[in-house]
Amino acid sequence: MSGIFALAGYLTLPFSANPAAGADVNVIGMINTLEAARLSGPRRIVFASSVAVYGSDVDGVIDESRAFRASGISAASAAYGASKLMGESLGRLYAERYGVDFCALRFSTVYGERQHARGINALYILEAMQAAAAGRRVVIRGSGNEAHDYLYAGDAAAACVRAMDAAGAGGAFNVASGRSTSVNDIVAMVLEEYGSTLEPEHVADTRTVRSTAHHELHVSTVRAKEILGWEPAVPLREGIARLRRWLDEPGAAEG
């Protein structure tokens, strides 16, 4: 069907560096996209939202009914999550008022080929791989018990296609692996991938921009499975191997 993948946006790190541009892209940019869809005729919009819309309310199993809570997270993370929630709310408003066919995909931490260095949590994978590849010890900030849900980019893309094909299926959908993985676990997988026996180095976490320091993160993907027919297919260990193969290609890291 005819539609728009609204995937562009400012992530937490660039949002922190330039809040005005972040708000302009994530909020005003979404309004421009919705207006274009309204004026150009029937269009389905699949919006790239984030599990950041839950903020610090991440205890237990998280489904799409969970509310946003800003306490306990950095201002940049709160602003980013709120901007994504605003994008979702604008989409709902345009659906109600103008009949725009809209749904939001709440992605967890996406990683994979063409990995960039702007994702605050995906950086754990990239930094660990760069250190292991160079024969250096991997540096872990803090205890390494901080946990996230890591989603392979190919699975995220498949969810986008499923959502576009599911005309009329509105609302928000969690798109995640459904598995909680600590930074320590990530580093262990990376070291195994590179055959490194170097022990990681733990240092104090002095970052001012960070997400919630939770030790477990369990994101429910039941709604995406039941309505979109989507499930993640690539385990984290395999995704890391695929990312390494891409990084090993000449010129891969230049992007």
C-alpha atoms as a PDB file:
ATOM      1  CA  MET A   1       0.000   0.000   0.000  1.00  0.00           C
ATOM      2  CA  SER A   2       1.011   3.656  -0.267  1.00  0.00           C
ATOM      3  CA  GLY A   3       2.623   4.925   2.889  1.00  0.00           C
ATOM      4  CA  ILE A   4       5.340   6.777   4.740  1.00  0.00           C
ATOM      5  CA  PHE A   5       8.018   5.336   6.986  1.00  0.00           C
ATOM      6  CA  ALA A   6       8.652   8.190   9.444  1.00  0.00           C
ATOM      7  CA  LEU A   7      11.999   6.915  10.728  1.00  0.00           C
ATOM      8  CA  ALA A   8      14.191  10.020  10.911  1.00  0.00           C
ATOM      9  CA  GLY A   9      14.765  11.603  14.302  1.00  0.00           C
ATOM     10  CA  TYR A  10      17.217  12.990  16.836  1.00  0.00           C
ATOM     11  CA  LEU A  11      18.442  10.385  19.323  1.00  0.00           C
ATOM     12  CA  THR A  12      19.336  11.130  22.934  1.00  0.00           C
ATOM     13  CA  LEU A  13      23.017  12.104  22.449  1.00  0.00           C
ATOM     14  CA  PRO A  14      22.462  14.587  19.585  1.00  0.00           C
ATOM     15  CA  PHE A  15      19.290  15.831  21.340  1.00  0.00           C
ATOM     16  CA  SER A  16      21.419  16.647  24.385  1.00  0.00           C
ATOM     17  CA  ALA A  17      23.991  18.472  22.228  1.00  0.00           C
ATOM     18  CA  ASN A  18      21.357  20.528  20.374  1.00  0.00           C
ATOM     19  CA  PRO A  19      17.971  20.538  22.149  1.00  0.00           C
ATOM     20  CA  ALA A  20      16.395  23.109  19.812  1.00  0.00           C
ATOM     21  CA  ALA A  21      17.213  21.082  16.715  1.00  0.00           C
ATOM     22  CA  GLY A  22      16.120  17.875  18.458  1.00  0.00           C
ATOM     23  CA  ALA A  23      12.708  19.287  19.317  1.00  0.00           C
ATOM     24  CA  ASP A  24      12.362  20.782  15.835  1.00  0.00           C
ATOM     25  CA  VAL A  25      13.107  17.474  14.097  1.00  0.00           C
ATOM     26  CA  ASN A  26      11.219  15.150  16.436  1.00  0.00           C
ATOM     27  CA  VAL A  27       8.100  17.275  16.997  1.00  0.00           C
ATOM     28  CA  ILE A  28       7.760  19.856  14.217  1.00  0.00           C
ATOM     29  CA  GLY A  29       9.169  17.341  11.731  1.00  0.00           C
ATOM     30  CA  MET A  30       6.435  14.907  12.737  1.00  0.00           C
ATOM     31  CA  ILE A  31       3.775  17.570  12.263  1.00  0.00           C
ATOM     32  CA  ASN A  32       5.152  18.274   8.778  1.00  0.00           C
ATOM     33  CA  THR A  33       5.030  14.552   7.955  1.00  0.00           C
ATOM     34  CA  LEU A  34       1.454  14.211   9.191  1.00  0.00           C
ATOM     35  CA  GLU A  35       0.401  17.320   7.280  1.00  0.00           C
ATOM     36  CA  ALA A  36       1.951  15.939   4.104  1.00  0.00           C
ATOM     37  CA  ALA A  37       0.031  12.691   4.594  1.00  0.00           C
ATOM     38  CA  ARG A  38      -3.216  14.569   5.214  1.00  0.00           C
ATOM     39  CA  LEU A  39      -2.869  16.810   2.179  1.00  0.00           C
ATOM     40  CA  SER A  40      -1.662  14.176  -0.288  1.00  0.00           C
ATOM     41  CA  GLY A  41      -4.467  11.703   0.221  1.00  0.00           C
ATOM     42  CA  PRO A  42      -4.711   8.300   1.882  1.00  0.00           C
ATOM     43  CA  ARG A  43      -1.342   7.356   3.321  1.00  0.00           C
ATOM     44  CA  ARG A  44      -0.368   5.005   6.108  1.00  0.00           C
ATOM     45  CA  ILE A  45       2.323   6.315   8.439  1.00  0.00           C
ATOM     46  CA  VAL A  46       4.604   3.961  10.348  1.00  0.00           C
ATOM     47  CA  PHE A  47       6.350   6.056  12.990  1.00  0.00           C
ATOM     48  CA  ALA A  48       9.638   5.096  14.639  1.00  0.00           C
ATOM     49  CA  SER A  49       8.974   5.622  18.327  1.00  0.00           C
ATOM     50  CA  SER A  50      10.990   4.176  21.209  1.00  0.00           C
ATOM     51  CA  VAL A  51      10.745   2.302  24.489  1.00  0.00           C
ATOM     52  CA  ALA A  52      12.086   5.605  25.850  1.00  0.00           C
ATOM     53  CA  VAL A  53       8.404   6.637  26.049  1.00  0.00           C
ATOM     54  CA  TYR A  54       8.247   4.617  29.284  1.00  0.00           C
ATOM     55  CA  GLY A  55      11.010   6.676  30.890  1.00  0.00           C
ATOM     56  CA  SER A  56      11.963   5.245  34.262  1.00  0.00           C
ATOM     57  CA  ASP A  57       8.789   3.154  34.675  1.00  0.00           C
ATOM     58  CA  VAL A  58      10.394  -0.141  33.644  1.00  0.00           C
ATOM     59  CA  ASP A  59       9.662  -2.550  36.488  1.00  0.00           C
ATOM     60  CA  GLY A  60       8.117  -5.902  35.572  1.00  0.00           C
ATOM     61  CA  VAL A  61       6.909  -6.750  32.076  1.00  0.00           C
ATOM     62  CA  ILE A  62       6.345  -3.597  30.016  1.00  0.00           C
ATOM     63  CA  ASP A  63       3.357  -3.550  27.680  1.00  0.00           C
ATOM     64  CA  GLU A  64       2.006  -0.668  25.620  1.00  0.00           C
ATOM     65  CA  SER A  65      -0.306   0.558  28.404  1.00  0.00           C
ATOM     66  CA  ARG A  66       2.643   1.606  30.596  1.00  0.00           C
ATOM     67  CA  ALA A  67       2.793   5.352  31.334  1.00  0.00           C
ATOM     68  CA  PHE A  68       5.757   7.705  30.904  1.00  0.00           C
ATOM     69  CA  ARG A  69       7.714   8.612  34.046  1.00  0.00           C
ATOM     70  CA  ALA A  70      10.586  11.089  33.886  1.00  0.00           C
ATOM     71  CA  SER A  71      11.963  10.787  37.413  1.00  0.00           C
ATOM     72  CA  GLY A  72      15.329   9.090  37.739  1.00  0.00           C
ATOM     73  CA  ILE A  73      16.561   9.661  34.191  1.00  0.00           C
ATOM     74  CA  SER A  74      18.716  12.398  32.694  1.00  0.00           C
ATOM     75  CA  ALA A  75      17.087  15.514  31.280  1.00  0.00           C
ATOM     76  CA  ALA A  76      18.238  14.556  27.775  1.00  0.00           C
ATOM     77  CA  SER A  77      16.696  11.078  28.020  1.00  0.00           C
ATOM     78  CA  ALA A  78      13.466  12.548  29.393  1.00  0.00           C
ATOM     79  CA  ALA A  79      13.316  15.140  26.600  1.00  0.00           C
ATOM     80  CA  TYR A  80      13.936  12.480  23.946  1.00  0.00           C
ATOM     81  CA  GLY A  81      11.300  10.140  25.369  1.00  0.00           C
ATOM     82  CA  ALA A  82       8.801  12.982  25.669  1.00  0.00           C
ATOM     83  CA  SER A  83       9.448  14.020  22.063  1.00  0.00           C
ATOM     84  CA  LYS A  84       8.668  10.483  20.876  1.00  0.00           C
ATOM     85  CA  LEU A  85       5.521  10.408  23.012  1.00  0.00           C
ATOM     86  CA  MET A  86       4.538  13.744  21.470  1.00  0.00           C
ATOM     87  CA  GLY A  87       5.049  12.271  18.003  1.00  0.00           C
ATOM     88  CA  GLU A  88       2.770   9.355  18.889  1.00  0.00           C
ATOM     89  CA  SER A  89       0.130  11.683  20.321  1.00  0.00           C
ATOM     90  CA  LEU A  90       0.191  13.864  17.207  1.00  0.00           C
ATOM     91  CA  GLY A  91      -0.275  10.751  15.082  1.00  0.00           C
ATOM     92  CA  ARG A  92      -3.271   9.699  17.152  1.00  0.00           C
ATOM     93  CA  LEU A  93      -4.714  13.193  16.863  1.00  0.00           C
ATOM     94  CA  TYR A  94      -4.360  13.218  13.077  1.00  0.00           C
ATOM     95  CA  ALA A  95      -5.921   9.751  12.952  1.00  0.00           C
ATOM     96  CA  GLU A  96      -8.926  10.936  14.973  1.00  0.00           C
ATOM     97  CA  ARG A  97      -9.361  14.314  13.303  1.00  0.00           C
ATOM     98  CA  TYR A  98      -8.333  13.638   9.688  1.00  0.00           C
ATOM     99  CA  GLY A  99      -8.453   9.876   9.292  1.00  0.00           C
ATOM    100  CA  VAL A 100      -4.707   9.477   8.773  1.00  0.00           C
ATOM    101  CA  ASP A 101      -3.838   5.772   9.042  1.00  0.00           C
ATOM    102  CA  PHE A 102      -1.149   5.815  11.747  1.00  0.00           C
ATOM    103  CA  CYS A 103       0.764   3.425  13.971  1.00  0.00           C
ATOM    104  CA  ALA A 104       3.861   3.747  16.143  1.00  0.00           C
ATOM    105  CA  LEU A 105       6.604   1.179  16.633  1.00  0.00           C
ATOM    106  CA  ARG A 106       8.338   1.474  19.978  1.00  0.00           C
ATOM    107  CA  PHE A 107      11.812   0.161  19.207  1.00  0.00           C
ATOM    108  CA  SER A 108      14.198  -1.035  21.873  1.00  0.00           C
ATOM    109  CA  THR A 109      17.964  -0.569  21.360  1.00  0.00           C
ATOM    110  CA  VAL A 110      18.560  -1.235  17.648  1.00  0.00           C
ATOM    111  CA  TYR A 111      22.000  -2.420  16.521  1.00  0.00           C
ATOM    112  CA  GLY A 112      23.457  -4.053  13.426  1.00  0.00           C
ATOM    113  CA  GLU A 113      25.091  -3.377  10.095  1.00  0.00           C
ATOM    114  CA  ARG A 114      25.628   0.323   9.337  1.00  0.00           C
ATOM    115  CA  GLN A 115      25.841   0.928  13.073  1.00  0.00           C
ATOM    116  CA  HIS A 116      26.427   4.570  13.982  1.00  0.00           C
ATOM    117  CA  ALA A 117      27.793   6.125  17.171  1.00  0.00           C
ATOM    118  CA  ARG A 118      24.717   8.196  18.117  1.00  0.00           C
ATOM    119  CA  GLY A 119      22.738   5.524  19.975  1.00  0.00           C
ATOM    120  CA  ILE A 120      23.351   5.923  23.697  1.00  0.00           C
ATOM    121  CA  ASN A 121      22.830   2.217  24.501  1.00  0.00           C
ATOM    122  CA  ALA A 122      23.890   0.640  21.195  1.00  0.00           C
ATOM    123  CA  LEU A 123      27.272   2.268  21.813  1.00  0.00           C
ATOM    124  CA  TYR A 124      28.041  -0.458  24.354  1.00  0.00           C
ATOM    125  CA  ILE A 125      28.223  -2.993  21.531  1.00  0.00           C
ATOM    126  CA  LEU A 126      30.144  -0.780  19.122  1.00  0.00           C
ATOM    127  CA  GLU A 127      32.709   0.426  21.657  1.00  0.00           C
ATOM    128  CA  ALA A 128      33.328  -3.108  22.915  1.00  0.00           C
ATOM    129  CA  MET A 129      33.829  -4.388  19.369  1.00  0.00           C
ATOM    130  CA  GLN A 130      36.185  -1.579  18.438  1.00  0.00           C
ATOM    131  CA  ALA A 131      38.312  -2.241  21.541  1.00  0.00           C
ATOM    132  CA  ALA A 132      38.395  -6.017  21.012  1.00  0.00           C
ATOM    133  CA  ALA A 133      39.279  -5.608  17.342  1.00  0.00           C
ATOM    134  CA  ALA A 134      42.203  -3.370  18.296  1.00  0.00           C
ATOM    135  CA  GLY A 135      43.435  -5.798  20.966  1.00  0.00           C
ATOM    136  CA  ARG A 136      42.569  -3.439  23.840  1.00  0.00           C
ATOM    137  CA  ARG A 137      40.722  -4.135  27.057  1.00  0.00           C
ATOM    138  CA  VAL A 138      37.048  -3.285  26.861  1.00  0.00           C
ATOM    139  CA  VAL A 139      36.135  -0.423  29.193  1.00  0.00           C
ATOM    140  CA  ILE A 140      32.882  -0.801  31.135  1.00  0.00           C
ATOM    141  CA  ARG A 141      31.433   2.230  32.899  1.00  0.00           C
ATOM    142  CA  GLY A 142      30.140   1.310  36.322  1.00  0.00           C
ATOM    143  CA  SER A 143      29.291  -2.243  37.379  1.00  0.00           C
ATOM    144  CA  GLY A 144      28.117  -3.372  33.941  1.00  0.00           C
ATOM    145  CA  ASN A 145      24.864  -4.674  35.428  1.00  0.00           C
ATOM    146  CA  GLU A 146      22.830  -2.060  33.530  1.00  0.00           C
ATOM    147  CA  ALA A 147      20.452  -3.966  31.255  1.00  0.00           C
ATOM    148  CA  HIS A 148      18.772  -3.181  27.941  1.00  0.00           C
ATOM    149  CA  ASP A 149      16.829  -4.938  25.222  1.00  0.00           C
ATOM    150  CA  TYR A 150      18.893  -5.237  22.019  1.00  0.00           C
ATOM    151  CA  LEU A 151      17.060  -5.592  18.702  1.00  0.00           C
ATOM    152  CA  TYR A 152      18.795  -6.572  15.471  1.00  0.00           C
ATOM    153  CA  ALA A 153      18.312  -3.977  12.702  1.00  0.00           C
ATOM    154  CA  GLY A 154      16.976  -6.567  10.257  1.00  0.00           C
ATOM    155  CA  ASP A 155      14.239  -7.491  12.728  1.00  0.00           C
ATOM    156  CA  ALA A 156      13.384  -3.805  13.149  1.00  0.00           C
ATOM    157  CA  ALA A 157      13.111  -3.428   9.366  1.00  0.00           C
ATOM    158  CA  ALA A 158      10.878  -6.499   9.133  1.00  0.00           C
ATOM    159  CA  ALA A 159       8.579  -4.988  11.771  1.00  0.00           C
ATOM    160  CA  CYS A 160       8.313  -1.795   9.715  1.00  0.00           C
ATOM    161  CA  VAL A 161       7.233  -3.756   6.638  1.00  0.00           C
ATOM    162  CA  ARG A 162       4.707  -5.765   8.657  1.00  0.00           C
ATOM    163  CA  ALA A 163       3.284  -2.590  10.138  1.00  0.00           C
ATOM    164  CA  MET A 164       2.966  -0.937   6.735  1.00  0.00           C
ATOM    165  CA  ASP A 165       1.109  -3.957   5.370  1.00  0.00           C
ATOM    166  CA  ALA A 166      -1.273  -4.027   8.352  1.00  0.00           C
ATOM    167  CA  ALA A 167      -3.579  -1.251   7.132  1.00  0.00           C
ATOM    168  CA  GLY A 168      -5.895   0.000   9.839  1.00  0.00           C
ATOM    169  CA  ALA A 169      -3.872  -1.516  12.685  1.00  0.00           C
ATOM    170  CA  GLY A 170      -3.378   1.585  14.803  1.00  0.00           C
ATOM    171  CA  GLY A 171      -1.892   2.471  18.145  1.00  0.00           C
ATOM    172  CA  ALA A 172       1.546   1.624  19.478  1.00  0.00           C
ATOM    173  CA  PHE A 173       3.489  -1.623  19.268  1.00  0.00           C
ATOM    174  CA  ASN A 174       6.559  -2.650  21.237  1.00  0.00           C
ATOM    175  CA  VAL A 175       9.217  -3.904  18.822  1.00  0.00           C
ATOM    176  CA  ALA A 176      11.942  -5.558  20.851  1.00  0.00           C
ATOM    177  CA  SER A 177      13.789  -8.809  21.390  1.00  0.00           C
ATOM    178  CA  GLY A 178      11.895  -9.444  24.612  1.00  0.00           C
ATOM    179  CA  ARG A 179      15.172 -10.364  26.350  1.00  0.00           C
ATOM    180  CA  SER A 180      16.997  -8.448  29.064  1.00  0.00           C
ATOM    181  CA  THR A 181      20.770  -8.274  28.514  1.00  0.00           C
ATOM    182  CA  SER A 182      23.329  -6.584  30.762  1.00  0.00           C
ATOM    183  CA  VAL A 183      26.366  -4.661  29.567  1.00  0.00           C
ATOM    184  CA  ASN A 184      28.527  -7.363  31.144  1.00  0.00           C
ATOM    185  CA  ASP A 185      26.718  -9.966  29.019  1.00  0.00           C
ATOM    186  CA  ILE A 186      27.242  -7.847  25.889  1.00  0.00           C
ATOM    187  CA  VAL A 187      30.956  -7.557  26.567  1.00  0.00           C
ATOM    188  CA  ALA A 188      31.263 -11.307  27.198  1.00  0.00           C
ATOM    189  CA  MET A 189      29.624 -12.015  23.816  1.00  0.00           C
ATOM    190  CA  VAL A 190      31.913  -9.551  22.047  1.00  0.00           C
ATOM    191  CA  LEU A 191      35.034 -11.018  23.651  1.00  0.00           C
ATOM    192  CA  GLU A 192      33.895 -14.497  22.620  1.00  0.00           C
ATOM    193  CA  GLU A 193      33.309 -13.281  19.064  1.00  0.00           C
ATOM    194  CA  TYR A 194      36.848 -11.877  18.836  1.00  0.00           C
ATOM    195  CA  GLY A 195      38.492 -14.678  20.797  1.00  0.00           C
ATOM    196  CA  SER A 196      39.856 -12.167  23.299  1.00  0.00           C
ATOM    197  CA  THR A 197      41.020 -13.273  26.750  1.00  0.00           C
ATOM    198  CA  LEU A 198      41.561  -9.721  28.038  1.00  0.00           C
ATOM    199  CA  GLU A 199      39.586  -8.904  31.175  1.00  0.00           C
ATOM    200  CA  PRO A 200      37.291  -5.863  30.883  1.00  0.00           C
ATOM    201  CA  GLU A 201      38.291  -2.727  32.780  1.00  0.00           C
ATOM    202  CA  HIS A 202      35.625  -1.196  35.015  1.00  0.00           C
ATOM    203  CA  VAL A 203      35.770   2.581  35.476  1.00  0.00           C
ATOM    204  CA  ALA A 204      33.539   5.124  37.189  1.00  0.00           C
ATOM    205  CA  ASP A 205      30.481   6.147  35.160  1.00  0.00           C
ATOM    206  CA  THR A 206      30.788   9.928  34.902  1.00  0.00           C
ATOM    207  CA  ARG A 207      28.398  10.438  31.982  1.00  0.00           C
ATOM    208  CA  THR A 208      25.799  13.182  32.350  1.00  0.00           C
ATOM    209  CA  VAL A 209      23.656  11.745  29.540  1.00  0.00           C
ATOM    210  CA  ARG A 210      22.467   8.244  30.282  1.00  0.00           C
ATOM    211  CA  SER A 211      19.302   6.174  30.324  1.00  0.00           C
ATOM    212  CA  THR A 212      17.705   4.520  33.325  1.00  0.00           C
ATOM    213  CA  ALA A 213      20.158   2.382  35.309  1.00  0.00           C
ATOM    214  CA  HIS A 214      17.907  -0.698  35.585  1.00  0.00           C
ATOM    215  CA  HIS A 215      19.189  -4.235  36.119  1.00  0.00           C
ATOM    216  CA  GLU A 216      16.321  -5.915  34.262  1.00  0.00           C
ATOM    217  CA  LEU A 217      14.289  -4.817  31.242  1.00  0.00           C
ATOM    218  CA  HIS A 218      11.473  -7.014  30.002  1.00  0.00           C
ATOM    219  CA  VAL A 219       9.536  -5.603  27.043  1.00  0.00           C
ATOM    220  CA  SER A 220       6.380  -7.428  25.965  1.00  0.00           C
ATOM    221  CA  THR A 221       5.994  -7.988  22.214  1.00  0.00           C
ATOM    222  CA  VAL A 222       2.673  -9.843  22.476  1.00  0.00           C
ATOM    223  CA  ARG A 223       0.688  -7.100  20.734  1.00  0.00           C
ATOM    224  CA  ALA A 224       3.081  -6.957  17.759  1.00  0.00           C
ATOM    225  CA  LYS A 225       2.877 -10.732  17.400  1.00  0.00           C
ATOM    226  CA  GLU A 226      -0.895 -10.932  17.626  1.00  0.00           C
ATOM    227  CA  ILE A 227      -1.782  -7.950  15.427  1.00  0.00           C
ATOM    228  CA  LEU A 228       1.190  -7.496  13.083  1.00  0.00           C
ATOM    229  CA  GLY A 229       2.317 -11.119  12.966  1.00  0.00           C
ATOM    230  CA  TRP A 230       5.862 -10.025  13.828  1.00  0.00           C
ATOM    231  CA  GLU A 231       8.447 -11.730  16.018  1.00  0.00           C
ATOM    232  CA  PRO A 232      12.218 -11.153  16.349  1.00  0.00           C
ATOM    233  CA  ALA A 233      14.240 -13.749  14.426  1.00  0.00           C
ATOM    234  CA  VAL A 234      17.933 -12.978  15.032  1.00  0.00           C
ATOM    235  CA  PRO A 235      19.422 -13.775  18.472  1.00  0.00           C
ATOM    236  CA  LEU A 236      21.831 -11.231  19.938  1.00  0.00           C
ATOM    237  CA  ARG A 237      24.872 -13.501  19.634  1.00  0.00           C
ATOM    238  CA  GLU A 238      24.208 -14.004  15.910  1.00  0.00           C
ATOM    239  CA  GLY A 239      23.555 -10.295  15.446  1.00  0.00           C
ATOM    240  CA  ILE A 240      26.936  -9.464  16.955  1.00  0.00           C
ATOM    241  CA  ALA A 241      28.592 -11.892  14.527  1.00  0.00           C
ATOM    242  CA  ARG A 242      26.806 -10.229  11.610  1.00  0.00           C
ATOM    243  CA  LEU A 243      27.827  -6.778  12.818  1.00  0.00           C
ATOM    244  CA  ARG A 244      31.437  -7.919  13.071  1.00  0.00           C
ATOM    245  CA  ARG A 245      31.403  -9.231   9.501  1.00  0.00           C
ATOM    246  CA  TRP A 246      30.149  -5.845   8.323  1.00  0.00           C
ATOM    247  CA  LEU A 247      32.704  -3.923  10.400  1.00  0.00           C
ATOM    248  CA  ASP A 248      35.458  -6.077   8.896  1.00  0.00           C
ATOM    249  CA  GLU A 249      34.528  -4.906   5.396  1.00  0.00           C
ATOM    250  CA  PRO A 250      36.848  -2.193   3.981  1.00  0.00           C
ATOM    251  CA  GLY A 251      35.415   1.276   4.633  1.00  0.00           C
ATOM    252  CA  ALA A 252      32.453  -0.011   6.670  1.00  0.00           C
ATOM    253  CA  ALA A 253      33.141   2.090   9.757  1.00  0.00           C
ATOM    254  CA  GLU A 254      33.548   5.299   7.739  1.00  0.00           C
ATOM    255  CA  GLY A 255      29.785   5.840   7.581  1.00  0.00           C
END
